[in-house]
Amino acid sequence: MSISKQKKLEKMPNLPSILFIGIPGPGLIGTFSLTYIVHSLKMEMVGEMEHPRISSVIFIDNGNLVGPIRIFKRDSLFAIVSDVPIDYSFVEGFEESVIDFCKKNKVDMIVVLSGIHVQERNLSNLKTYGIVTDQTIEKVLYENEIPKFLSGMITGPDAALLTFLKNSPIPTMVLFTECNFFFPDPEAAIHAIKTVSRILKTEIDITEFKKQIEFLRLQSRQLMQETLNVMMPEKAEPEIGSPQIYR
């Protein structure tokens, strides 16, 4: 995902320490939106998360060898972006690594970006719903006009992730943006980006993202299929292939 460089790096407002997590899920909302946010805010890659299940996957970026799950930082903001689905076989290890990272870096809040399927999405009136594991951060929803996820069912890796995080000492918020569950949905990811922009009180220009919508939709088809294989239990365990939206 290429993003044009801004002429000036805007000063970030004073914010609590937040860790954003974006992994392949419904519509690839988490990966699409957080990848763009990381580069738009010029966050620096500061590390990687490793697991034996994905040790054989490596990518080359500007001549550098990097893993599929990378950690970025700017000021008090952190981001973990994955270019591979988080399979059930290593979701617990992933979650434990996240909590350990939060403790070491004194993270105040975790924000997970994901999608939720709607039968007929209205692009002119998409919604992002929020759910929190700790009432102390519920005010973030109200302050940013994010409707609360009141009832329903969450399945797949998102459910496994929430099962662990709801009992963790780090307050967690999950943002579910309405999307097409079965196909890459960069249009819905735009709404997720705008929601994060409000939370951060920082303008995130989506001009470049809009220019790449068709490219992203086509390039990420394989990643979407791999993700569906993980999210749908009746499918066979997928082979981890090349990421389809890696810049």
Protein backbone atom coordinates (compact mmCIF):
# COMPACT_ATOMS: atom_id res chain seq x y z
CA MET A 1 0.00 0.00 0.00
CA SER A 2 1.78 3.12 -1.16
CA ILE A 3 1.02 6.43 0.50
CA SER A 4 2.32 9.81 -0.57
CA LYS A 5 4.44 11.60 2.00
CA GLN A 6 2.94 14.60 3.72
CA LYS A 7 4.92 17.83 3.56
CA LYS A 8 4.65 18.27 7.29
CA LEU A 9 4.25 15.85 10.15
CA GLU A 10 1.39 17.22 12.19
CA LYS A 11 1.82 17.39 15.94
CA MET A 12 -0.19 14.74 17.73
CA PRO A 13 -2.47 15.82 20.58
CA ASN A 14 -1.74 14.56 24.07
CA LEU A 15 -3.32 11.11 24.21
CA PRO A 16 -3.29 8.13 26.54
CA SER A 17 -1.05 5.28 25.40
CA ILE A 18 -3.13 3.26 22.91
CA LEU A 19 -2.36 0.01 21.10
CA PHE A 20 -4.31 -0.54 17.88
CA ILE A 21 -4.63 -4.07 16.51
CA GLY A 22 -5.54 -4.88 12.91
CA ILE A 23 -5.67 -8.49 11.72
CA PRO A 24 -7.39 -10.06 8.69
CA GLY A 25 -11.09 -10.52 9.45
CA PRO A 26 -14.51 -9.76 7.93
CA GLY A 27 -14.01 -7.58 4.86
CA LEU A 28 -10.32 -7.25 5.84
CA ILE A 29 -11.39 -4.11 7.70
CA GLY A 30 -8.74 -4.34 10.41
CA THR A 31 -5.82 -4.86 8.03
CA PHE A 32 -6.95 -2.32 5.43
CA SER A 33 -7.67 0.47 7.89
CA LEU A 34 -4.75 0.06 10.27
CA THR A 35 -2.18 -0.37 7.48
CA TYR A 36 -3.29 2.96 6.06
CA ILE A 37 -3.39 4.66 9.47
CA VAL A 38 0.15 3.47 10.27
CA HIS A 39 1.56 4.98 7.10
CA SER A 40 -0.58 8.09 7.15
CA LEU A 41 0.65 8.92 10.65
CA LYS A 42 4.21 7.87 9.70
CA MET A 43 4.47 5.39 12.53
CA GLU A 44 7.87 3.72 12.77
CA MET A 45 8.29 -0.05 12.76
CA VAL A 46 9.88 -0.97 16.09
CA GLY A 47 9.57 -4.75 16.17
CA GLU A 48 7.80 -7.93 15.15
CA MET A 49 5.72 -10.62 16.84
CA GLU A 50 6.93 -14.15 16.22
CA HIS A 51 5.28 -17.55 16.52
CA PRO A 52 6.41 -21.02 15.36
CA ARG A 53 3.24 -21.33 13.23
CA ILE A 54 4.31 -18.43 11.02
CA SER A 55 8.09 -18.69 11.32
CA SER A 56 8.37 -19.84 7.70
CA VAL A 57 6.72 -16.64 6.39
CA ILE A 58 9.02 -13.71 5.61
CA PHE A 59 8.63 -10.63 3.41
CA ILE A 60 11.02 -8.17 1.82
CA ASP A 61 10.32 -4.46 2.19
CA ASN A 62 12.76 -1.97 0.65
CA GLY A 63 15.51 -4.55 0.88
CA ASN A 64 14.74 -5.45 4.50
CA LEU A 65 13.50 -8.82 5.76
CA VAL A 66 10.36 -8.44 7.87
CA GLY A 67 7.82 -10.80 9.41
CA PRO A 68 4.05 -10.83 8.77
CA ILE A 69 3.09 -9.40 12.18
CA ARG A 70 4.76 -6.05 12.79
CA ILE A 71 4.74 -3.49 15.59
CA PHE A 72 4.71 0.26 14.93
CA LYS A 73 5.03 3.28 17.19
CA ARG A 74 4.63 7.03 17.16
CA ASP A 75 4.65 9.01 20.40
CA SER A 76 2.15 7.28 22.72
CA LEU A 77 0.52 5.28 19.91
CA PHE A 78 1.35 1.68 19.04
CA ALA A 79 -0.02 -0.55 16.30
CA ILE A 80 0.17 -4.28 15.63
CA VAL A 81 -0.63 -5.12 11.99
CA SER A 82 -0.86 -8.66 10.67
CA ASP A 83 -0.73 -9.70 7.02
CA VAL A 84 -1.79 -13.25 7.88
CA PRO A 85 -4.99 -14.49 9.56
CA ILE A 86 -4.63 -15.34 13.26
CA ASP A 87 -5.49 -19.01 13.29
CA TYR A 88 -7.11 -20.69 16.31
CA SER A 89 -3.96 -22.77 16.70
CA PHE A 90 -1.92 -19.78 17.84
CA VAL A 91 -4.47 -17.16 18.87
CA GLU A 92 -3.77 -17.74 22.57
CA GLY A 93 -0.04 -17.22 22.10
CA PHE A 94 -0.77 -14.07 20.11
CA GLU A 95 -3.01 -12.70 22.84
CA GLU A 96 -0.47 -13.43 25.57
CA SER A 97 2.21 -11.62 23.56
CA VAL A 98 -0.10 -8.61 23.19
CA ILE A 99 -0.74 -8.38 26.93
CA ASP A 100 2.95 -8.80 27.70
CA PHE A 101 3.76 -6.02 25.23
CA CYS A 102 1.14 -3.73 26.80
CA LYS A 103 2.54 -4.24 30.30
CA LYS A 104 6.12 -3.59 29.21
CA ASN A 105 5.16 -0.43 27.32
CA LYS A 106 2.58 0.86 29.83
CA VAL A 107 -0.28 0.82 27.33
CA ASP A 108 -3.50 2.29 28.76
CA MET A 109 -5.98 0.93 26.22
CA ILE A 110 -6.22 -1.60 23.40
CA VAL A 111 -8.36 -0.82 20.33
CA VAL A 112 -9.12 -3.69 17.94
CA LEU A 113 -10.39 -2.83 14.45
CA SER A 114 -12.70 -5.36 12.83
CA GLY A 115 -15.80 -5.74 10.69
CA ILE A 116 -19.33 -7.01 11.13
CA HIS A 117 -21.45 -8.41 8.31
CA VAL A 118 -24.58 -6.64 7.14
CA GLN A 119 -26.84 -8.05 4.43
CA GLU A 120 -27.23 -4.81 2.51
CA ARG A 121 -24.69 -2.20 3.49
CA ASN A 122 -25.43 1.42 2.71
CA LEU A 123 -22.14 3.10 1.82
CA SER A 124 -23.59 6.53 2.48
CA ASN A 125 -24.68 5.54 5.99
CA LEU A 126 -22.25 2.94 7.32
CA LYS A 127 -21.89 2.57 11.07
CA THR A 128 -19.08 1.49 13.35
CA TYR A 129 -20.19 -0.12 16.62
CA GLY A 130 -18.10 -0.33 19.75
CA ILE A 131 -17.88 -2.74 22.63
CA VAL A 132 -15.64 -2.34 25.67
CA THR A 133 -14.29 -4.73 28.29
CA ASP A 134 -13.99 -2.04 30.97
CA GLN A 135 -16.49 0.68 31.82
CA THR A 136 -13.67 3.18 32.38
CA ILE A 137 -13.25 3.58 28.60
CA GLU A 138 -16.93 3.54 27.66
CA LYS A 139 -16.86 7.35 27.60
CA VAL A 140 -14.67 7.13 24.48
CA LEU A 141 -17.68 5.71 22.62
CA TYR A 142 -20.00 8.51 23.73
CA GLU A 143 -17.48 11.29 23.17
CA ASN A 144 -16.98 10.14 19.57
CA GLU A 145 -20.61 9.26 18.80
CA ILE A 146 -19.86 5.56 18.34
CA PRO A 147 -23.00 3.48 18.97
CA LYS A 148 -22.56 0.65 21.44
CA PHE A 149 -22.82 -2.94 20.26
CA LEU A 150 -25.83 -3.94 22.37
CA SER A 151 -26.72 -7.46 21.24
CA GLY A 152 -25.66 -10.10 18.78
CA MET A 153 -23.10 -12.86 18.37
CA ILE A 154 -19.39 -12.75 17.57
CA THR A 155 -17.66 -15.83 16.17
CA GLY A 156 -14.30 -16.83 14.77
CA PRO A 157 -10.89 -15.44 15.78
CA ASP A 158 -12.54 -12.20 16.94
CA ALA A 159 -14.47 -14.19 19.55
CA ALA A 160 -11.32 -16.03 20.66
CA LEU A 161 -9.48 -12.71 20.94
CA LEU A 162 -12.28 -11.11 22.97
CA THR A 163 -12.59 -14.13 25.25
CA PHE A 164 -9.01 -13.58 26.35
CA LEU A 165 -8.96 -9.76 26.35
CA LYS A 166 -12.17 -9.38 28.35
CA ASN A 167 -10.36 -10.85 31.35
CA SER A 168 -7.08 -9.03 30.79
CA PRO A 169 -5.91 -6.09 32.93
CA ILE A 170 -5.78 -3.80 29.88
CA PRO A 171 -9.10 -2.07 29.02
CA THR A 172 -10.03 -3.05 25.48
CA MET A 173 -12.35 -1.58 22.88
CA VAL A 174 -13.38 -3.41 19.72
CA LEU A 175 -14.72 -1.37 16.82
CA PHE A 176 -16.93 -3.32 14.39
CA THR A 177 -17.58 -1.56 11.08
CA GLU A 178 -20.46 -2.72 8.89
CA CYS A 179 -19.03 -4.53 5.87
CA ASN A 180 -19.33 -7.35 3.38
CA PHE A 181 -18.16 -10.42 5.31
CA PHE A 182 -17.08 -12.50 2.30
CA PHE A 183 -15.24 -10.00 0.10
CA PRO A 184 -12.54 -7.35 0.63
CA ASP A 185 -14.35 -4.16 1.57
CA PRO A 186 -12.03 -1.13 1.35
CA GLU A 187 -15.02 1.24 1.16
CA ALA A 188 -16.11 0.13 4.63
CA ALA A 189 -12.51 0.44 5.84
CA ILE A 190 -12.71 4.16 5.06
CA HIS A 191 -15.40 4.50 7.73
CA ALA A 192 -13.17 2.69 10.24
CA ILE A 193 -10.32 5.09 9.42
CA LYS A 194 -12.59 8.09 9.99
CA THR A 195 -13.70 6.65 13.34
CA VAL A 196 -10.08 6.26 14.49
CA SER A 197 -9.37 9.79 13.28
CA ARG A 198 -12.07 11.10 15.62
CA ILE A 199 -10.75 9.09 18.55
CA LEU A 200 -7.22 10.40 17.98
CA LYS A 201 -8.45 13.95 17.32
CA THR A 202 -6.10 13.90 14.35
CA GLU A 203 -7.00 14.38 10.70
CA ILE A 204 -6.22 11.35 8.56
CA ASP A 205 -6.40 12.21 4.86
CA ILE A 206 -8.06 9.36 2.97
CA THR A 207 -7.44 10.74 -0.53
CA GLU A 208 -4.73 8.20 -1.36
CA PHE A 209 -6.77 5.34 0.09
CA LYS A 210 -9.71 6.19 -2.16
CA LYS A 211 -7.43 6.08 -5.21
CA GLN A 212 -6.42 2.50 -4.37
CA ILE A 213 -9.84 0.98 -3.66
CA GLU A 214 -10.09 -1.13 -6.83
CA PHE A 215 -6.44 -2.16 -6.59
CA LEU A 216 -6.89 -3.29 -2.99
CA ARG A 217 -10.08 -5.16 -3.78
CA LEU A 218 -8.38 -7.17 -6.54
CA GLN A 219 -5.01 -7.67 -4.85
CA SER A 220 -6.45 -8.93 -1.58
CA ARG A 221 -8.68 -11.71 -2.91
CA GLN A 222 -6.30 -14.49 -1.87
CA LEU A 223 -5.87 -13.06 1.62
CA MET A 224 -9.65 -12.82 1.94
CA GLN A 225 -10.01 -16.49 1.02
CA GLU A 226 -7.34 -17.52 3.53
CA THR A 227 -9.13 -15.43 6.15
CA LEU A 228 -12.50 -17.03 5.40
CA ASN A 229 -10.93 -20.47 5.79
CA VAL A 230 -9.85 -19.48 9.30
CA MET A 231 -13.13 -17.80 10.27
CA MET A 232 -15.38 -20.62 9.05
CA PRO A 233 -14.84 -23.82 11.14
CA GLU A 234 -16.10 -26.20 8.46
CA LYS A 235 -13.26 -25.18 6.18
CA ALA A 236 -9.95 -26.99 6.21
CA GLU A 237 -7.01 -25.27 7.89
CA PRO A 238 -5.50 -22.91 5.26
CA GLU A 239 -1.94 -22.71 4.13
CA ILE A 240 -0.47 -19.30 4.92
CA GLY A 241 0.44 -17.59 1.65
CA SER A 242 1.74 -14.24 0.58
CA PRO A 243 -0.06 -11.17 1.96
CA GLN A 244 -2.16 -9.49 -0.67
CA ILE A 245 -2.06 -5.92 0.63
CA TYR A 246 1.49 -5.70 1.82
CA ARG A 247 2.91 -2.43 0.55
